[in-house]
Amino acid sequence: MRLDKFLKVSRLIKRRTLAKEVSDQGRIAINGVEAKASTNVKVGDELSIRFGQKVTKVRIDKIQETTRKDDAAEMYTIVSEERMNQE
């Protein structure tokens, strides 16, 4: 599944267009490698997402084409959340 679609279906990012913009700006890495919106993700991959001053790391547990809002959180596990230091 494409990275931008996974982010939208899992509801880590609300809209696919926003997910595409964020990934194309280089703010998302898969297993430590910077990723574009069209990069394919698979179960077991670890995503690192920069939201403003926060870095969230999640591991993909399940991939589904569609999901209900209540079940979206089952698609990933949050590994860590860190605040970035301002310099």
Protein backbone atom coordinates (compact mmCIF):
# COMPACT_ATOMS: atom_id res chain seq x y z
CA MET A 1 0.00 0.00 0.00
CA ARG A 2 1.20 3.53 -0.73
CA LEU A 3 2.46 5.54 2.23
CA ASP A 4 -0.02 8.41 1.75
CA LYS A 5 -2.98 6.02 1.59
CA PHE A 6 -1.83 4.15 4.71
CA LEU A 7 -1.54 7.41 6.66
CA LYS A 8 -5.09 8.37 5.66
CA VAL A 9 -6.72 4.95 6.23
CA SER A 10 -5.00 4.56 9.62
CA ARG A 11 -6.03 8.13 10.47
CA LEU A 12 -2.51 9.16 11.49
CA ILE A 13 -3.11 12.06 9.08
CA LYS A 14 -6.70 13.04 8.29
CA ARG A 15 -6.52 13.74 4.54
CA ARG A 16 -4.58 11.99 1.80
CA THR A 17 -3.56 15.28 0.16
CA LEU A 18 -2.06 16.43 3.46
CA ALA A 19 -0.30 13.06 3.87
CA LYS A 20 1.18 13.49 0.38
CA GLU A 21 2.41 17.01 1.16
CA VAL A 22 3.99 15.98 4.47
CA SER A 23 5.80 13.00 2.96
CA ASP A 24 7.01 14.96 -0.08
CA GLN A 25 8.48 17.58 2.29
CA GLY A 26 10.74 14.85 3.72
CA ARG A 27 9.08 14.74 7.14
CA ILE A 28 8.42 10.98 7.07
CA ALA A 29 10.97 8.17 7.17
CA ILE A 30 10.39 4.44 6.77
CA ASN A 31 12.92 2.30 8.66
CA GLY A 32 15.24 5.32 8.86
CA VAL A 33 15.09 6.15 5.12
CA GLU A 34 13.31 9.31 3.93
CA ALA A 35 10.15 8.35 2.04
CA LYS A 36 7.94 9.88 -0.64
CA ALA A 37 4.15 9.54 -0.81
CA SER A 38 4.35 6.78 -3.41
CA THR A 39 6.66 4.56 -1.32
CA ASN A 40 5.12 1.18 -0.53
CA VAL A 41 4.74 0.20 3.13
CA LYS A 42 4.35 -3.28 4.58
CA VAL A 43 3.63 -4.89 7.94
CA GLY A 44 6.60 -4.49 10.29
CA ASP A 45 7.84 -1.20 8.82
CA GLU A 46 8.60 1.57 11.32
CA LEU A 47 7.50 5.09 10.38
CA SER A 48 9.03 8.24 11.86
CA ILE A 49 6.69 11.22 11.38
CA ARG A 50 7.58 14.85 12.21
CA PHE A 51 4.57 16.94 13.27
CA GLY A 52 5.77 20.45 14.08
CA GLN A 53 8.07 20.06 17.11
CA LYS A 54 7.10 16.41 17.77
CA VAL A 55 8.48 13.18 16.30
CA THR A 56 6.21 10.14 16.47
CA LYS A 57 7.48 6.66 15.70
CA VAL A 58 4.92 3.98 14.83
CA ARG A 59 5.18 0.35 13.75
CA ILE A 60 2.75 -0.96 11.13
CA ASP A 61 0.83 -3.96 12.47
CA LYS A 62 -1.86 -4.41 9.83
CA ILE A 63 -2.67 -3.11 6.36
CA GLN A 64 -6.29 -2.73 5.23
CA GLU A 65 -7.75 -0.94 2.21
CA THR A 66 -10.54 0.58 4.32
CA THR A 67 -11.32 0.63 8.01
CA ARG A 68 -13.82 2.07 10.45
CA LYS A 69 -12.73 4.89 12.72
CA ASP A 70 -12.89 2.63 15.79
CA ASP A 71 -10.59 0.03 14.19
CA ALA A 72 -8.03 2.42 12.65
CA ALA A 73 -5.78 2.43 15.74
CA GLU A 74 -5.31 -1.35 15.39
CA MET A 75 -3.32 -0.79 12.18
CA TYR A 76 -0.28 0.57 14.06
CA THR A 77 1.48 0.69 17.42
CA ILE A 78 3.04 3.88 18.74
CA VAL A 79 6.66 3.08 19.58
CA SER A 80 7.66 6.51 20.91
CA GLU A 81 6.78 10.20 20.90
CA GLU A 82 9.49 12.82 21.43
CA ARG A 83 9.63 16.58 21.50
CA MET A 84 12.33 18.15 19.33
CA ASN A 85 14.58 20.73 21.00
CA GLN A 86 14.46 24.24 19.56
CA GLU A 87 17.84 25.75 18.88
